[in-house]
N, C-alpha and C. Protein backbone atom coordinates (compact mmCIF):
# COMPACT_ATOMS: atom_id res chain seq x y z
N MET A 1 16.12 -4.99 13.38
CA MET A 1 17.15 -5.11 12.10
C MET A 1 17.06 -6.53 11.70
N LYS A 2 16.68 -7.51 11.87
CA LYS A 2 16.02 -8.66 11.59
C LYS A 2 15.25 -8.33 10.44
N LYS A 3 13.66 -7.81 11.05
CA LYS A 3 12.58 -7.53 10.18
C LYS A 3 13.49 -6.56 8.86
N LEU A 4 14.18 -5.37 9.27
CA LEU A 4 14.70 -4.87 8.46
C LEU A 4 15.74 -5.91 7.10
N THR A 5 16.41 -6.74 7.63
CA THR A 5 17.28 -7.62 6.81
C THR A 5 15.77 -8.05 5.85
N ALA A 6 15.22 -8.98 6.43
CA ALA A 6 14.14 -9.29 5.58
C ALA A 6 13.09 -8.65 4.67
N VAL A 7 13.18 -8.00 4.90
CA VAL A 7 12.88 -6.92 3.82
C VAL A 7 13.82 -6.70 2.77
N LEU A 8 15.08 -6.05 3.28
CA LEU A 8 16.12 -6.20 1.80
C LEU A 8 16.36 -7.43 1.09
N LEU A 9 16.38 -8.78 2.10
CA LEU A 9 16.21 -9.65 0.98
C LEU A 9 14.82 -9.88 0.28
N LEU A 10 13.72 -9.71 0.66
CA LEU A 10 12.86 -10.03 0.21
C LEU A 10 12.74 -8.78 -1.63
N ALA A 11 12.89 -7.62 -0.73
CA ALA A 11 13.10 -6.58 -2.12
C ALA A 11 13.85 -6.59 -3.08
N GLY A 12 15.07 -7.42 -2.83
CA GLY A 12 16.36 -8.06 -3.84
C GLY A 12 15.79 -9.16 -4.50
N ALA A 13 14.92 -10.24 -3.67
CA ALA A 13 14.06 -11.15 -4.59
C ALA A 13 13.34 -10.98 -5.62
N GLY A 14 12.87 -9.52 -5.51
CA GLY A 14 11.98 -8.91 -6.06
C GLY A 14 12.30 -8.56 -7.57
N LEU A 15 13.65 -8.42 -7.04
CA LEU A 15 14.54 -7.46 -8.34
C LEU A 15 15.44 -8.40 -8.91
N CYS A 16 15.50 -10.09 -8.65
CA CYS A 16 16.06 -10.86 -9.28
C CYS A 16 15.38 -11.38 -10.52
N GLY A 17 13.77 -10.99 -10.98
CA GLY A 17 13.18 -11.72 -11.93
C GLY A 17 12.62 -12.87 -11.51
N GLN A 18 11.75 -13.08 -10.64
CA GLN A 18 10.79 -14.64 -10.37
C GLN A 18 10.45 -14.64 -11.59
N THR A 19 9.28 -15.79 -12.09
CA THR A 19 8.75 -15.66 -13.11
C THR A 19 7.30 -15.84 -13.07
N TYR A 20 7.01 -14.69 -13.83
CA TYR A 20 5.12 -13.76 -13.35
C TYR A 20 4.96 -14.40 -14.52
N ALA A 21 3.22 -14.66 -14.61
CA ALA A 21 2.51 -14.48 -15.67
C ALA A 21 1.47 -13.06 -15.68
N ALA A 22 1.18 -13.19 -16.49
CA ALA A 22 0.41 -12.06 -16.88
C ALA A 22 -1.44 -12.10 -15.97
N SER A 23 -1.60 -11.20 -15.06
CA SER A 23 -2.82 -10.95 -14.83
C SER A 23 -4.07 -11.14 -15.48
N SER A 24 -5.18 -11.68 -15.28
CA SER A 24 -6.11 -11.27 -16.38
C SER A 24 -7.48 -10.95 -15.37
N GLU A 25 -7.40 -10.43 -14.13
CA GLU A 25 -8.31 -9.55 -13.47
C GLU A 25 -7.82 -8.30 -14.02
N ALA A 26 -9.11 -7.80 -13.01
CA ALA A 26 -9.69 -5.75 -13.13
C ALA A 26 -8.29 -5.34 -13.91
N ALA A 27 -8.55 -4.61 -14.47
CA ALA A 27 -7.60 -3.35 -15.40
C ALA A 27 -6.77 -2.71 -13.98
N SER A 28 -6.72 -2.73 -12.82
CA SER A 28 -6.24 -1.91 -11.76
C SER A 28 -5.32 -2.89 -11.11
N GLN A 29 -5.73 -4.36 -11.71
CA GLN A 29 -4.11 -5.46 -10.85
C GLN A 29 -4.30 -5.85 -12.04
N SER A 30 -2.62 -4.87 -12.34
CA SER A 30 -1.78 -4.93 -13.88
C SER A 30 -0.26 -5.54 -13.29
N TYR A 31 -0.21 -6.01 -11.96
CA TYR A 31 0.84 -6.74 -11.35
C TYR A 31 0.89 -7.98 -11.98
N ARG A 32 2.36 -8.73 -11.95
CA ARG A 32 2.21 -9.89 -12.83
C ARG A 32 1.83 -10.99 -11.90
N VAL A 33 1.05 -12.06 -11.93
CA VAL A 33 1.17 -12.88 -11.17
C VAL A 33 1.68 -14.45 -11.04
N SER A 34 2.38 -15.05 -10.02
CA SER A 34 3.19 -15.98 -10.03
C SER A 34 2.44 -17.27 -10.83
N ALA A 35 3.60 -17.84 -11.54
CA ALA A 35 3.13 -19.04 -12.18
C ALA A 35 2.66 -20.52 -10.95
N GLU A 36 3.35 -20.16 -9.80
CA GLU A 36 3.12 -20.61 -8.67
C GLU A 36 2.19 -20.74 -7.80
N ALA A 37 1.21 -21.80 -7.80
CA ALA A 37 -0.14 -21.39 -7.12
C ALA A 37 0.18 -21.09 -5.94
N GLY A 38 0.49 -21.91 -4.53
CA GLY A 38 0.99 -21.35 -3.41
C GLY A 38 1.05 -19.70 -3.57
N VAL A 39 1.89 -19.28 -4.28
CA VAL A 39 2.82 -17.76 -4.41
C VAL A 39 1.35 -16.95 -4.72
N ALA A 40 0.78 -17.02 -5.90
CA ALA A 40 -0.40 -16.89 -6.56
C ALA A 40 -1.44 -16.34 -5.48
N ALA A 41 -1.72 -17.35 -5.04
CA ALA A 41 -3.15 -17.39 -3.83
C ALA A 41 -2.38 -16.56 -2.39
N GLU A 42 -1.13 -15.79 -1.98
CA GLU A 42 -0.37 -15.30 -1.08
C GLU A 42 -0.85 -13.92 -2.23
N GLN A 43 -0.16 -13.61 -3.23
CA GLN A 43 -0.32 -11.96 -3.87
C GLN A 43 -1.91 -11.90 -3.72
N LYS A 44 -2.92 -12.61 -4.02
CA LYS A 44 -4.44 -12.42 -4.24
C LYS A 44 -4.84 -12.11 -3.01
N ALA A 45 -4.08 -12.11 -1.47
CA ALA A 45 -4.61 -12.44 -0.51
C ALA A 45 -3.89 -10.85 0.07
N VAL A 46 -2.08 -10.87 -0.29
CA VAL A 46 -1.87 -9.54 -0.13
C VAL A 46 -2.60 -8.22 -0.79
N TYR A 47 -3.30 -8.40 -2.18
CA TYR A 47 -3.82 -7.69 -2.97
C TYR A 47 -4.62 -7.35 -2.59
N GLU A 48 -5.79 -8.11 -1.98
CA GLU A 48 -7.43 -7.84 -1.26
C GLU A 48 -6.91 -7.47 0.02
N LEU A 49 -5.80 -7.20 0.47
CA LEU A 49 -5.54 -6.47 1.99
C LEU A 49 -5.49 -4.70 1.11
N ILE A 50 -4.54 -4.50 0.49
CA ILE A 50 -4.28 -3.38 -0.14
C ILE A 50 -5.43 -2.71 -0.91
N ASN A 51 -6.30 -3.45 -1.30
CA ASN A 51 -7.83 -2.61 -1.53
C ASN A 51 -8.36 -2.23 -0.83
N ARG A 52 -8.64 -3.42 0.78
CA ARG A 52 -9.44 -2.68 1.73
C ARG A 52 -8.37 -1.60 2.31
N TYR A 53 -7.47 -1.35 1.96
CA TYR A 53 -6.74 -0.26 2.55
C TYR A 53 -7.36 0.90 1.80
N GLN A 54 -7.45 0.91 0.52
CA GLN A 54 -8.13 1.57 -0.70
C GLN A 54 -9.17 2.33 -0.34
N THR A 55 -10.14 1.55 -0.09
CA THR A 55 -11.54 1.53 0.07
C THR A 55 -11.74 2.16 1.78
N ALA A 56 -10.75 1.96 2.36
CA ALA A 56 -11.15 2.82 3.88
C ALA A 56 -10.61 4.31 3.46
N LEU A 57 -9.08 4.18 3.03
CA LEU A 57 -8.74 5.43 2.75
C LEU A 57 -9.89 6.54 1.80
N ASN A 58 -10.31 5.68 0.78
CA ASN A 58 -11.40 6.88 -0.15
C ASN A 58 -13.12 6.88 1.09
N ALA A 59 -13.51 6.25 1.66
CA ALA A 59 -14.15 6.32 2.67
C ALA A 59 -13.76 6.94 4.12
N GLY A 60 -12.72 7.90 4.48
CA GLY A 60 -12.32 8.04 5.34
C GLY A 60 -12.05 7.49 6.83
N ASP A 61 -12.00 6.01 6.38
CA ASP A 61 -12.70 5.33 7.59
C ASP A 61 -10.88 4.79 8.35
N THR A 62 -10.76 5.70 9.24
CA THR A 62 -9.57 5.37 10.23
C THR A 62 -9.30 3.86 10.85
N GLN A 63 -10.46 3.13 11.19
CA GLN A 63 -10.45 2.43 12.47
C GLN A 63 -10.24 1.37 10.99
N THR A 64 -10.64 1.13 10.11
CA THR A 64 -10.64 -0.05 9.30
C THR A 64 -9.14 0.08 8.88
N ILE A 65 -8.52 0.91 8.72
CA ILE A 65 -7.11 1.37 8.19
C ILE A 65 -6.13 0.93 9.43
N LEU A 66 -6.54 1.19 11.00
CA LEU A 66 -5.50 0.76 11.61
C LEU A 66 -5.84 -1.07 11.95
N SER A 67 -6.96 -1.44 11.47
CA SER A 67 -6.93 -2.68 11.64
C SER A 67 -5.81 -3.59 10.54
N LEU A 68 -5.77 -2.59 9.74
CA LEU A 68 -4.48 -3.47 8.24
C LEU A 68 -3.36 -3.57 9.01
N PHE A 69 -3.01 -2.67 9.82
CA PHE A 69 -1.32 -2.57 10.73
C PHE A 69 -1.14 -3.57 11.28
N ALA A 70 -0.02 -4.33 10.95
CA ALA A 70 0.59 -4.89 12.44
C ALA A 70 0.55 -4.56 13.85
N PRO A 71 0.83 -4.53 15.11
CA PRO A 71 1.11 -4.26 15.86
C PRO A 71 2.61 -3.27 16.44
N GLU A 72 3.38 -3.52 15.30
CA GLU A 72 4.87 -3.26 15.20
C GLU A 72 4.76 -2.56 13.75
N SER A 73 4.69 -1.68 13.64
CA SER A 73 4.79 -0.88 12.27
C SER A 73 4.87 0.38 12.20
N TYR A 74 4.93 0.95 11.12
CA TYR A 74 5.34 2.29 10.69
C TYR A 74 4.50 2.72 9.54
N SER A 75 4.26 4.07 9.42
CA SER A 75 3.70 4.63 8.40
C SER A 75 4.52 6.35 8.69
N GLN A 76 5.26 6.57 7.03
CA GLN A 76 6.14 7.18 7.01
C GLN A 76 5.73 7.99 5.67
N TRP A 77 5.14 9.23 6.38
CA TRP A 77 4.46 10.24 4.94
C TRP A 77 5.06 11.80 4.61
N ASN A 78 5.06 11.84 3.83
CA ASN A 78 5.56 13.24 3.12
C ASN A 78 5.58 14.31 4.45
N GLU A 79 6.66 15.20 5.17
CA GLU A 79 7.03 15.93 5.83
C GLU A 79 5.63 15.82 7.18
N LYS A 80 5.86 14.67 7.39
CA LYS A 80 5.16 14.29 8.74
C LYS A 80 6.09 13.02 9.63
N PRO A 81 5.83 13.47 10.71
CA PRO A 81 6.52 12.74 11.61
C PRO A 81 6.34 11.08 11.43
N THR A 82 7.49 10.26 11.68
CA THR A 82 6.83 8.44 11.57
C THR A 82 5.42 8.40 12.66
N ALA A 83 4.80 7.42 12.24
CA ALA A 83 3.74 7.01 13.08
C ALA A 83 4.64 5.16 13.48
N ASP A 84 4.74 5.74 14.38
CA ASP A 84 5.28 3.86 14.93
C ASP A 84 3.97 3.09 15.96
N SER A 85 3.13 4.12 16.25
CA SER A 85 2.08 3.37 17.34
C SER A 85 0.52 3.74 16.24
N ASN A 86 -0.69 2.52 17.00
CA ASN A 86 -1.89 3.11 16.56
C ASN A 86 -2.43 4.33 17.08
N GLU A 87 -1.72 4.67 17.99
CA GLU A 87 -2.02 6.18 18.64
C GLU A 87 -1.69 6.97 17.95
N LYS A 88 -0.31 7.06 17.51
CA LYS A 88 0.13 8.21 16.31
C LYS A 88 -0.69 8.23 15.12
N ARG A 89 -0.85 6.74 14.44
CA ARG A 89 -1.51 6.34 13.24
C ARG A 89 -2.57 7.08 13.36
N ARG A 90 -3.60 7.03 14.40
CA ARG A 90 -4.94 7.36 14.67
C ARG A 90 -5.07 8.75 14.19
N GLN A 91 -4.38 9.50 15.28
CA GLN A 91 -4.05 10.92 14.72
C GLN A 91 -3.92 11.53 13.47
N GLN A 92 -2.60 10.80 12.70
CA GLN A 92 -2.16 10.95 11.51
C GLN A 92 -3.46 10.74 10.40
N TYR A 93 -4.24 9.38 10.61
CA TYR A 93 -5.23 9.53 9.41
C TYR A 93 -6.66 10.50 9.95
N ASP A 94 -7.02 10.45 11.19
CA ASP A 94 -7.55 11.73 11.34
C ASP A 94 -7.64 13.00 10.93
N ASP A 95 -6.52 13.09 11.19
CA ASP A 95 -5.87 14.97 10.66
C ASP A 95 -6.39 14.76 9.47
N LEU A 96 -5.73 13.99 8.27
CA LEU A 96 -5.91 13.43 7.44
C LEU A 96 -7.30 14.03 7.09
N PHE A 97 -8.43 12.67 7.20
CA PHE A 97 -9.51 12.80 7.00
C PHE A 97 -10.31 14.06 7.29
N LYS A 98 -9.83 15.05 8.40
CA LYS A 98 -10.61 16.10 8.50
C LYS A 98 -10.40 16.98 7.69
N ASN A 99 -9.18 17.05 6.45
CA ASN A 99 -8.84 18.27 5.86
C ASN A 99 -9.04 17.59 4.42
N GLU A 100 -8.78 16.31 4.16
CA GLU A 100 -9.04 15.58 2.72
C GLU A 100 -9.85 14.57 2.43
N LYS A 101 -11.01 14.72 1.70
CA LYS A 101 -11.64 13.44 0.86
C LYS A 101 -10.94 12.89 -0.12
N PHE A 102 -10.90 11.75 0.19
CA PHE A 102 -10.03 11.08 -1.50
C PHE A 102 -10.79 10.37 -2.77
N GLU A 103 -10.10 10.48 -3.62
CA GLU A 103 -11.26 9.50 -4.72
C GLU A 103 -9.85 8.66 -5.39
N THR A 104 -9.25 7.91 -4.96
CA THR A 104 -8.29 7.20 -5.46
C THR A 104 -8.04 5.57 -6.05
N GLU A 105 -7.25 5.62 -6.73
CA GLU A 105 -7.74 4.23 -7.33
C GLU A 105 -6.05 3.79 -7.56
N PHE A 106 -5.94 2.74 -6.98
CA PHE A 106 -4.61 2.29 -7.18
C PHE A 106 -4.11 1.57 -8.10
N ALA A 107 -2.77 2.08 -8.86
CA ALA A 107 -2.43 1.06 -10.14
C ALA A 107 -1.44 0.59 -9.09
N TYR A 108 -1.32 -1.06 -9.89
CA TYR A 108 -0.28 -2.09 -8.50
C TYR A 108 0.43 -1.83 -9.42
N ASP A 109 1.52 -1.73 -9.66
CA ASP A 109 2.94 -2.04 -10.27
C ASP A 109 3.79 -3.29 -9.93
N SER A 110 3.26 -3.80 -8.65
CA SER A 110 4.01 -5.18 -8.23
C SER A 110 3.34 -5.72 -7.19
N VAL A 111 2.97 -6.76 -7.10
CA VAL A 111 2.77 -7.44 -5.41
C VAL A 111 3.93 -8.65 -5.41
N ARG A 112 4.52 -8.66 -4.66
CA ARG A 112 5.65 -9.75 -4.66
C ARG A 112 5.39 -10.63 -2.87
N VAL A 113 5.63 -11.58 -3.39
CA VAL A 113 5.63 -12.58 -1.82
C VAL A 113 6.77 -13.76 -1.65
N SER A 114 7.49 -13.37 -0.39
CA SER A 114 8.64 -14.27 -0.39
C SER A 114 8.33 -14.77 0.66
N GLY A 115 7.75 -15.97 1.14
CA GLY A 115 7.34 -16.31 2.57
C GLY A 115 6.81 -15.98 3.47
N ASN A 116 6.66 -14.97 4.36
CA ASN A 116 5.62 -14.70 5.63
C ASN A 116 6.13 -12.92 5.30
N MET A 117 6.59 -12.81 3.83
CA MET A 117 6.89 -11.08 3.72
C MET A 117 6.31 -10.92 2.43
N ALA A 118 5.91 -9.49 1.91
CA ALA A 118 5.19 -9.24 0.74
C ALA A 118 5.49 -7.80 0.83
N TYR A 119 5.99 -7.49 -0.29
CA TYR A 119 5.85 -5.94 -0.78
C TYR A 119 4.74 -5.59 -2.25
N VAL A 120 4.07 -4.72 -2.14
CA VAL A 120 3.27 -4.04 -2.98
C VAL A 120 3.93 -2.53 -3.01
N ARG A 121 3.75 -2.43 -4.30
CA ARG A 121 4.17 -0.95 -5.17
C ARG A 121 3.01 -0.28 -6.25
N THR A 122 2.56 0.64 -5.54
CA THR A 122 1.11 1.45 -6.39
C THR A 122 1.56 2.66 -6.89
N HIS A 123 0.74 3.17 -7.68
CA HIS A 123 0.81 4.33 -7.96
C HIS A 123 -1.00 5.16 -8.30
N HIS A 124 -0.73 6.28 -8.40
CA HIS A 124 -1.97 7.10 -8.45
C HIS A 124 -2.00 7.17 -9.79
N HIS A 125 -3.51 6.69 -10.63
CA HIS A 125 -3.82 6.95 -12.17
C HIS A 125 -3.29 8.66 -12.33
N ARG A 126 -3.02 9.10 -13.52
CA ARG A 126 -3.17 10.80 -13.57
C ARG A 126 -5.09 10.85 -13.59
N GLY A 127 -5.46 11.85 -12.64
CA GLY A 127 -6.30 12.29 -13.34
C GLY A 127 -7.16 11.76 -11.25
N ALA A 128 -6.39 10.84 -10.47
CA ALA A 128 -7.21 10.74 -8.87
C ALA A 128 -7.01 12.36 -8.35
N THR A 129 -7.65 12.23 -7.47
CA THR A 129 -7.97 13.70 -6.91
C THR A 129 -8.53 13.23 -5.50
N VAL A 130 -8.16 14.39 -4.63
CA VAL A 130 -8.43 14.63 -3.23
C VAL A 130 -9.08 16.10 -3.47
N THR A 131 -10.57 16.18 -2.47
CA THR A 131 -11.11 17.25 -2.33
C THR A 131 -10.84 18.07 -1.18
N ARG A 132 -10.45 19.13 -0.71
CA ARG A 132 -9.73 20.03 0.24
C ARG A 132 -11.22 19.90 0.78
N ILE A 133 -11.15 19.66 2.15
CA ILE A 133 -12.02 19.50 3.21
C ILE A 133 -12.77 21.56 3.20
N SER A 134 -11.75 22.07 3.09
CA SER A 134 -11.90 23.36 3.68
C SER A 134 -12.57 24.49 3.08
N ASP A 135 -12.19 24.01 1.54
CA ASP A 135 -12.81 25.30 0.35
C ASP A 135 -13.54 24.34 -0.66
N GLY A 136 -13.60 23.13 -0.70
CA GLY A 136 -14.06 22.27 -1.42
C GLY A 136 -13.30 21.92 -3.08
N ALA A 137 -11.95 22.00 -2.73
CA ALA A 137 -11.14 22.36 -3.92
C ALA A 137 -10.77 21.35 -4.28
N THR A 138 -11.03 20.29 -5.43
CA THR A 138 -10.45 19.53 -6.04
C THR A 138 -9.34 19.54 -6.74
N LEU A 139 -8.12 18.67 -6.36
CA LEU A 139 -6.35 18.42 -6.16
C LEU A 139 -6.78 17.28 -7.21
N ILE A 140 -5.24 17.66 -7.63
CA ILE A 140 -4.91 16.14 -8.25
C ILE A 140 -4.08 15.42 -7.30
N ASP A 141 -4.03 14.41 -7.17
CA ASP A 141 -3.50 13.46 -6.13
C ASP A 141 -2.34 12.22 -6.70
N LEU A 142 -1.20 12.78 -7.11
CA LEU A 142 -0.15 12.13 -7.46
C LEU A 142 0.92 11.06 -6.59
N ASN A 143 0.72 9.81 -6.07
CA ASN A 143 1.41 9.41 -4.93
C ASN A 143 1.77 8.54 -5.51
N ARG A 144 3.17 7.92 -5.32
CA ARG A 144 3.91 6.12 -5.01
C ARG A 144 3.48 5.88 -4.21
N GLU A 145 3.23 4.74 -3.78
CA GLU A 145 3.42 3.88 -2.14
C GLU A 145 4.38 2.47 -2.50
N VAL A 146 4.40 2.09 -1.37
CA VAL A 146 4.68 0.82 -0.69
C VAL A 146 4.53 0.51 0.21
N PHE A 147 4.12 -0.53 0.34
CA PHE A 147 3.56 -1.56 1.48
C PHE A 147 4.50 -2.67 1.52
N VAL A 148 4.93 -2.82 2.77
CA VAL A 148 5.35 -3.78 3.32
C VAL A 148 5.02 -4.88 4.32
N LEU A 149 4.11 -5.99 3.63
CA LEU A 149 3.45 -6.91 4.85
C LEU A 149 4.14 -7.95 5.29
N GLU A 150 3.92 -8.31 6.32
CA GLU A 150 4.37 -9.49 7.00
C GLU A 150 2.90 -10.80 7.31
N LYS A 151 3.40 -11.78 7.07
CA LYS A 151 1.99 -12.74 7.36
C LYS A 151 2.43 -12.60 8.90
N GLN A 152 1.03 -12.93 9.94
CA GLN A 152 1.31 -12.68 11.17
C GLN A 152 0.17 -13.82 11.84
N GLN A 153 0.32 -14.36 12.33
CA GLN A 153 -0.98 -15.64 12.89
C GLN A 153 -1.48 -15.62 11.77
N GLY A 154 -1.55 -16.27 10.84
CA GLY A 154 -1.90 -16.36 9.53
C GLY A 154 -2.67 -15.30 8.47
N GLN A 155 -2.45 -13.97 8.91
CA GLN A 155 -2.80 -12.85 8.53
C GLN A 155 -1.87 -12.00 8.06
N TRP A 156 -2.27 -11.63 6.79
CA TRP A 156 -1.31 -10.38 6.19
C TRP A 156 -1.51 -8.92 7.31
N LYS A 157 -0.56 -8.71 7.18
CA LYS A 157 -0.50 -7.21 7.95
C LYS A 157 0.49 -6.19 7.43
N ILE A 158 0.61 -5.48 7.69
CA ILE A 158 1.06 -3.59 7.04
C ILE A 158 1.92 -3.85 7.70
N VAL A 159 3.33 -3.49 7.67
CA VAL A 159 4.40 -3.27 8.73
C VAL A 159 4.77 -2.01 8.15
N VAL A 160 5.27 -1.46 7.48
CA VAL A 160 5.72 -0.07 6.83
C VAL A 160 4.79 0.07 5.98
N TYR A 161 4.45 1.28 5.70
CA TYR A 161 4.00 2.19 4.76
C TYR A 161 4.41 3.39 4.16
N THR A 162 4.71 4.03 2.91
CA THR A 162 4.92 4.83 2.81
C THR A 162 4.96 5.49 1.49
N PHE A 163 5.13 6.97 1.31
CA PHE A 163 4.56 7.35 0.15
C PHE A 163 5.32 8.41 -0.38
N ASN A 164 5.48 8.78 -1.58
CA ASN A 164 6.17 9.79 -1.90
C ASN A 164 5.05 10.99 -3.07
N THR A 165 4.74 12.11 -3.44
CA THR A 165 4.12 12.72 -4.50
C THR A 165 5.28 12.96 -5.54
N ASN A 166 4.42 12.47 -6.75
CA ASN A 166 5.40 13.06 -7.61
C ASN A 166 4.47 13.40 -9.18
N PRO A 167 4.90 14.08 -9.88
CA PRO A 167 4.04 14.74 -10.69
C PRO A 167 4.12 13.84 -11.94
N ILE A 168 4.83 12.47 -12.05
CA ILE A 168 4.81 12.00 -13.22
C ILE A 168 4.78 10.36 -13.01
N GLN A 169 3.57 9.58 -13.42
CA GLN A 169 3.30 8.32 -12.67
C GLN A 169 3.56 7.71 -13.86
N GLY A 170 3.69 6.23 -13.46
CA GLY A 170 4.05 4.84 -14.37
C GLY A 170 5.04 4.11 -13.73
N VAL A 171 4.76 2.83 -14.48
CA VAL A 171 5.89 1.79 -14.03
C VAL A 171 7.34 1.96 -14.14
N SER A 172 8.19 2.08 -13.35
CA SER A 172 9.71 2.19 -13.42
C SER A 172 10.28 1.35 -12.77
């Protein structure tokens, strides 16, 4: 309950309009960067962790993905049971990678940091694809993701990951 309250407070803080300056980095890094240097540095660290997740997703690398999650964490996927342990998450990703090969580049809608909590909203650009391994069919892969992270022992870790599919993408 304490963690859920922190997540809700963090989300609320993000909605209240913190001061951000435009990012000048890669096009896929389109989130607004805080004018406060310390917060901006934490945003970059959070962004880099989610980029490692994306790279591992595209490589089908379950082990790297597992290393990005906190010991007490949750991944919630469409039409799948919540994975609340690394064993369940390992099965979740291993099963996924047996069936699909991803070519995804996240568009970053927001990267917000407040103390030792952060959240990231991403979506897949139109044209993102997944290849179904059974028959080689290329399918459009349109998702929106939310990552909630917590800084634990000096390192950012994913504590909640959820996504939904949606045919119309964009920032809203």
